[in-house]
Amino acid sequence: MFRVEKEEMTNKTFRLPLSLVDKLYTVAQNKGVSLNNLVRQCCEYALENLEDDKK
């Protein structure tokens, strides 16, 4: 049976340089996604590809 699931979300405030926000906003517009969605994907990608400090 099909189940509609909703991922739990929370609101947080982060301070980012204006130049970075401008770049993110441009990419989000060009890709047709929300700025929030793009930032989430960028964070997930960075965490999944984080170098291991044990090397």
PDB file of N, CA and C in Angstrom:
ATOM      1  N   MET A   1       0.845  -1.176   0.000  1.00  0.00           N
ATOM      2  CA  MET A   1       0.000   0.000   0.000  1.00  0.00           C
ATOM      3  C   MET A   1       0.898   1.249   0.000  1.00  0.00           C
ATOM      4  N   PHE A   2       0.478   2.244  -0.722  1.00  0.00           N
ATOM      5  CA  PHE A   2       1.228   3.500  -0.820  1.00  0.00           C
ATOM      6  C   PHE A   2       1.044   4.314   0.448  1.00  0.00           C
ATOM      7  N   ARG A   3       2.153   4.795   0.991  1.00  0.00           N
ATOM      8  CA  ARG A   3       2.115   5.627   2.176  1.00  0.00           C
ATOM      9  C   ARG A   3       2.788   6.955   1.891  1.00  0.00           C
ATOM     10  N   VAL A   4       2.116   8.039   2.196  1.00  0.00           N
ATOM     11  CA  VAL A   4       2.716   9.365   2.061  1.00  0.00           C
ATOM     12  C   VAL A   4       3.420   9.667   3.377  1.00  0.00           C
ATOM     13  N   GLU A   5       4.726   9.898   3.300  1.00  0.00           N
ATOM     14  CA  GLU A   5       5.496  10.178   4.502  1.00  0.00           C
ATOM     15  C   GLU A   5       6.062  11.586   4.437  1.00  0.00           C
ATOM     16  N   LYS A   6       6.137  12.218   5.564  1.00  0.00           N
ATOM     17  CA  LYS A   6       6.664  13.569   5.643  1.00  0.00           C
ATOM     18  C   LYS A   6       7.885  13.564   6.552  1.00  0.00           C
ATOM     19  N   GLU A   7       9.006  14.029   5.999  1.00  0.00           N
ATOM     20  CA  GLU A   7      10.234  14.099   6.776  1.00  0.00           C
ATOM     21  C   GLU A   7      10.126  15.225   7.792  1.00  0.00           C
ATOM     22  N   GLU A   8      10.530  14.935   9.026  1.00  0.00           N
ATOM     23  CA  GLU A   8      10.484  15.961  10.066  1.00  0.00           C
ATOM     24  C   GLU A   8      11.544  17.014   9.779  1.00  0.00           C
ATOM     25  N   MET A   9      11.163  18.260   9.874  1.00  0.00           N
ATOM     26  CA  MET A   9      12.065  19.374   9.605  1.00  0.00           C
ATOM     27  C   MET A   9      12.154  20.271  10.838  1.00  0.00           C
ATOM     28  N   THR A  10      13.214  21.060  10.894  1.00  0.00           N
ATOM     29  CA  THR A  10      13.384  22.045  11.947  1.00  0.00           C
ATOM     30  C   THR A  10      13.940  23.316  11.340  1.00  0.00           C
ATOM     31  N   ASN A  11      13.708  24.425  11.976  1.00  0.00           N
ATOM     32  CA  ASN A  11      14.237  25.704  11.511  1.00  0.00           C
ATOM     33  C   ASN A  11      15.487  26.063  12.296  1.00  0.00           C
ATOM     34  N   LYS A  12      16.518  26.484  11.594  1.00  0.00           N
ATOM     35  CA  LYS A  12      17.768  26.956  12.183  1.00  0.00           C
ATOM     36  C   LYS A  12      18.191  28.204  11.438  1.00  0.00           C
ATOM     37  N   THR A  13      18.944  29.046  12.111  1.00  0.00           N
ATOM     38  CA  THR A  13      19.458  30.256  11.477  1.00  0.00           C
ATOM     39  C   THR A  13      20.967  30.141  11.357  1.00  0.00           C
ATOM     40  N   PHE A  14      21.483  30.378  10.161  1.00  0.00           N
ATOM     41  CA  PHE A  14      22.915  30.344   9.910  1.00  0.00           C
ATOM     42  C   PHE A  14      23.323  31.652   9.268  1.00  0.00           C
ATOM     43  N   ARG A  15      24.487  32.128   9.599  1.00  0.00           N
ATOM     44  CA  ARG A  15      25.017  33.348   8.992  1.00  0.00           C
ATOM     45  C   ARG A  15      25.982  32.940   7.882  1.00  0.00           C
ATOM     46  N   LEU A  16      25.703  33.413   6.684  1.00  0.00           N
ATOM     47  CA  LEU A  16      26.519  33.093   5.521  1.00  0.00           C
ATOM     48  C   LEU A  16      26.920  34.393   4.842  1.00  0.00           C
ATOM     49  N   PRO A  17      28.098  34.408   4.223  1.00  0.00           N
ATOM     50  CA  PRO A  17      28.497  35.608   3.484  1.00  0.00           C
ATOM     51  C   PRO A  17      27.509  35.897   2.354  1.00  0.00           C
ATOM     52  N   LEU A  18      27.239  37.167   2.134  1.00  0.00           N
ATOM     53  CA  LEU A  18      26.293  37.578   1.101  1.00  0.00           C
ATOM     54  C   LEU A  18      26.690  37.027  -0.266  1.00  0.00           C
ATOM     55  N   SER A  19      27.989  37.003  -0.566  1.00  0.00           N
ATOM     56  CA  SER A  19      28.441  36.504  -1.864  1.00  0.00           C
ATOM     57  C   SER A  19      28.089  35.021  -2.039  1.00  0.00           C
ATOM     58  N   LEU A  20      28.163  34.242  -0.966  1.00  0.00           N
ATOM     59  CA  LEU A  20      27.807  32.823  -1.034  1.00  0.00           C
ATOM     60  C   LEU A  20      26.299  32.659  -1.230  1.00  0.00           C
ATOM     61  N   VAL A  21      25.524  33.440  -0.526  1.00  0.00           N
ATOM     62  CA  VAL A  21      24.066  33.377  -0.666  1.00  0.00           C
ATOM     63  C   VAL A  21      23.660  33.750  -2.090  1.00  0.00           C
ATOM     64  N   ASP A  22      24.305  34.757  -2.649  1.00  0.00           N
ATOM     65  CA  ASP A  22      24.010  35.154  -4.029  1.00  0.00           C
ATOM     66  C   ASP A  22      24.296  34.012  -5.001  1.00  0.00           C
ATOM     67  N   LYS A  23      25.431  33.337  -4.812  1.00  0.00           N
ATOM     68  CA  LYS A  23      25.790  32.210  -5.688  1.00  0.00           C
ATOM     69  C   LYS A  23      24.791  31.068  -5.535  1.00  0.00           C
ATOM     70  N   LEU A  24      24.439  30.749  -4.292  1.00  0.00           N
ATOM     71  CA  LEU A  24      23.482  29.676  -4.042  1.00  0.00           C
ATOM     72  C   LEU A  24      22.126  30.006  -4.646  1.00  0.00           C
ATOM     73  N   TYR A  25      21.688  31.242  -4.487  1.00  0.00           N
ATOM     74  CA  TYR A  25      20.400  31.666  -5.031  1.00  0.00           C
ATOM     75  C   TYR A  25      20.386  31.533  -6.555  1.00  0.00           C
ATOM     76  N   THR A  26      21.487  31.925  -7.198  1.00  0.00           N
ATOM     77  CA  THR A  26      21.580  31.826  -8.655  1.00  0.00           C
ATOM     78  C   THR A  26      21.509  30.372  -9.110  1.00  0.00           C
ATOM     79  N   VAL A  27      22.250  29.505  -8.442  1.00  0.00           N
ATOM     80  CA  VAL A  27      22.234  28.081  -8.794  1.00  0.00           C
ATOM     81  C   VAL A  27      20.835  27.508  -8.585  1.00  0.00           C
ATOM     82  N   ALA A  28      20.210  27.839  -7.458  1.00  0.00           N
ATOM     83  CA  ALA A  28      18.868  27.329  -7.175  1.00  0.00           C
ATOM     84  C   ALA A  28      17.884  27.752  -8.260  1.00  0.00           C
ATOM     85  N   GLN A  29      17.942  29.007  -8.675  1.00  0.00           N
ATOM     86  CA  GLN A  29      17.056  29.486  -9.733  1.00  0.00           C
ATOM     87  C   GLN A  29      17.317  28.754 -11.041  1.00  0.00           C
ATOM     88  N   ASN A  30      18.591  28.595 -11.394  1.00  0.00           N
ATOM     89  CA  ASN A  30      18.948  27.931 -12.649  1.00  0.00           C
ATOM     90  C   ASN A  30      18.542  26.458 -12.670  1.00  0.00           C
ATOM     91  N   LYS A  31      18.548  25.821 -11.510  1.00  0.00           N
ATOM     92  CA  LYS A  31      18.198  24.397 -11.422  1.00  0.00           C
ATOM     93  C   LYS A  31      16.724  24.168 -11.128  1.00  0.00           C
ATOM     94  N   GLY A  32      15.981  25.246 -10.851  1.00  0.00           N
ATOM     95  CA  GLY A  32      14.550  25.113 -10.597  1.00  0.00           C
ATOM     96  C   GLY A  32      14.206  24.489  -9.263  1.00  0.00           C
ATOM     97  N   VAL A  33      15.045  24.725  -8.261  1.00  0.00           N
ATOM     98  CA  VAL A  33      14.775  24.217  -6.913  1.00  0.00           C
ATOM     99  C   VAL A  33      14.775  25.390  -5.939  1.00  0.00           C
ATOM    100  N   SER A  34      14.257  25.155  -4.752  1.00  0.00           N
ATOM    101  CA  SER A  34      14.261  26.210  -3.745  1.00  0.00           C
ATOM    102  C   SER A  34      15.672  26.363  -3.177  1.00  0.00           C
ATOM    103  N   LEU A  35      15.934  27.542  -2.657  1.00  0.00           N
ATOM    104  CA  LEU A  35      17.222  27.789  -2.016  1.00  0.00           C
ATOM    105  C   LEU A  35      17.411  26.830  -0.845  1.00  0.00           C
ATOM    106  N   ASN A  36      16.360  26.607  -0.089  1.00  0.00           N
ATOM    107  CA  ASN A  36      16.420  25.694   1.045  1.00  0.00           C
ATOM    108  C   ASN A  36      16.800  24.283   0.587  1.00  0.00           C
ATOM    109  N   ASN A  37      16.180  23.817  -0.491  1.00  0.00           N
ATOM    110  CA  ASN A  37      16.460  22.484  -1.008  1.00  0.00           C
ATOM    111  C   ASN A  37      17.917  22.373  -1.459  1.00  0.00           C
ATOM    112  N   LEU A  38      18.415  23.398  -2.129  1.00  0.00           N
ATOM    113  CA  LEU A  38      19.802  23.379  -2.590  1.00  0.00           C
ATOM    114  C   LEU A  38      20.778  23.346  -1.416  1.00  0.00           C
ATOM    115  N   VAL A  39      20.542  24.170  -0.414  1.00  0.00           N
ATOM    116  CA  VAL A  39      21.430  24.206   0.759  1.00  0.00           C
ATOM    117  C   VAL A  39      21.426  22.849   1.463  1.00  0.00           C
ATOM    118  N   ARG A  40      20.254  22.235   1.589  1.00  0.00           N
ATOM    119  CA  ARG A  40      20.159  20.909   2.209  1.00  0.00           C
ATOM    120  C   ARG A  40      20.980  19.881   1.440  1.00  0.00           C
ATOM    121  N   GLN A  41      20.843  19.896   0.105  1.00  0.00           N
ATOM    122  CA  GLN A  41      21.579  18.946  -0.723  1.00  0.00           C
ATOM    123  C   GLN A  41      23.087  19.189  -0.631  1.00  0.00           C
ATOM    124  N   CYS A  42      23.489  20.447  -0.619  1.00  0.00           N
ATOM    125  CA  CYS A  42      24.919  20.773  -0.498  1.00  0.00           C
ATOM    126  C   CYS A  42      25.483  20.262   0.827  1.00  0.00           C
ATOM    127  N   CYS A  43      24.744  20.465   1.906  1.00  0.00           N
ATOM    128  CA  CYS A  43      25.194  19.999   3.223  1.00  0.00           C
ATOM    129  C   CYS A  43      25.284  18.483   3.272  1.00  0.00           C
ATOM    130  N   GLU A  44      24.271  17.798   2.741  1.00  0.00           N
ATOM    131  CA  GLU A  44      24.288  16.334   2.728  1.00  0.00           C
ATOM    132  C   GLU A  44      25.472  15.814   1.913  1.00  0.00           C
ATOM    133  N   TYR A  45      25.715  16.416   0.758  1.00  0.00           N
ATOM    134  CA  TYR A  45      26.832  15.992  -0.086  1.00  0.00           C
ATOM    135  C   TYR A  45      28.160  16.208   0.638  1.00  0.00           C
ATOM    136  N   ALA A  46      28.317  17.365   1.260  1.00  0.00           N
ATOM    137  CA  ALA A  46      29.568  17.669   1.970  1.00  0.00           C
ATOM    138  C   ALA A  46      29.808  16.677   3.107  1.00  0.00           C
ATOM    139  N   LEU A  47      28.778  16.356   3.855  1.00  0.00           N
ATOM    140  CA  LEU A  47      28.936  15.413   4.959  1.00  0.00           C
ATOM    141  C   LEU A  47      29.239  14.002   4.464  1.00  0.00           C
ATOM    142  N   GLU A  48      28.605  13.586   3.381  1.00  0.00           N
ATOM    143  CA  GLU A  48      28.843  12.252   2.826  1.00  0.00           C
ATOM    144  C   GLU A  48      30.235  12.129   2.225  1.00  0.00           C
ATOM    145  N   ASN A  49      30.832  13.250   1.816  1.00  0.00           N
ATOM    146  CA  ASN A  49      32.140  13.227   1.168  1.00  0.00           C
ATOM    147  C   ASN A  49      33.229  13.869   2.008  1.00  0.00           C
ATOM    148  N   LEU A  50      32.999  13.960   3.297  1.00  0.00           N
ATOM    149  CA  LEU A  50      33.947  14.548   4.220  1.00  0.00           C
ATOM    150  C   LEU A  50      35.162  13.641   4.364  1.00  0.00           C
ATOM    151  N   GLU A  51      36.342  14.219   4.256  1.00  0.00           N
ATOM    152  CA  GLU A  51      37.558  13.417   4.410  1.00  0.00           C
ATOM    153  C   GLU A  51      37.701  12.916   5.834  1.00  0.00           C
ATOM    154  N   ASP A  52      38.203  11.697   5.948  1.00  0.00           N
ATOM    155  CA  ASP A  52      38.439  11.087   7.245  1.00  0.00           C
ATOM    156  C   ASP A  52      39.762  11.627   7.795  1.00  0.00           C
ATOM    157  N   ASP A  53      39.736  12.218   8.986  1.00  0.00           N
ATOM    158  CA  ASP A  53      40.948  12.808   9.587  1.00  0.00           C
ATOM    159  C   ASP A  53      41.934  11.756  10.090  1.00  0.00           C
ATOM    160  N   LYS A  54      41.542  10.488  10.063  1.00  0.00           N
ATOM    161  CA  LYS A  54      42.404   9.415  10.571  1.00  0.00           C
ATOM    162  C   LYS A  54      43.524   9.036   9.621  1.00  0.00           C
ATOM    163  N   LYS A  55      43.523   9.594   8.393  1.00  0.00           N
ATOM    164  CA  LYS A  55      44.534   9.217   7.395  1.00  0.00           C
ATOM    165  C   LYS A  55      45.889   9.742   7.753  1.00  0.00           C
TER     166      LYS A  55
END
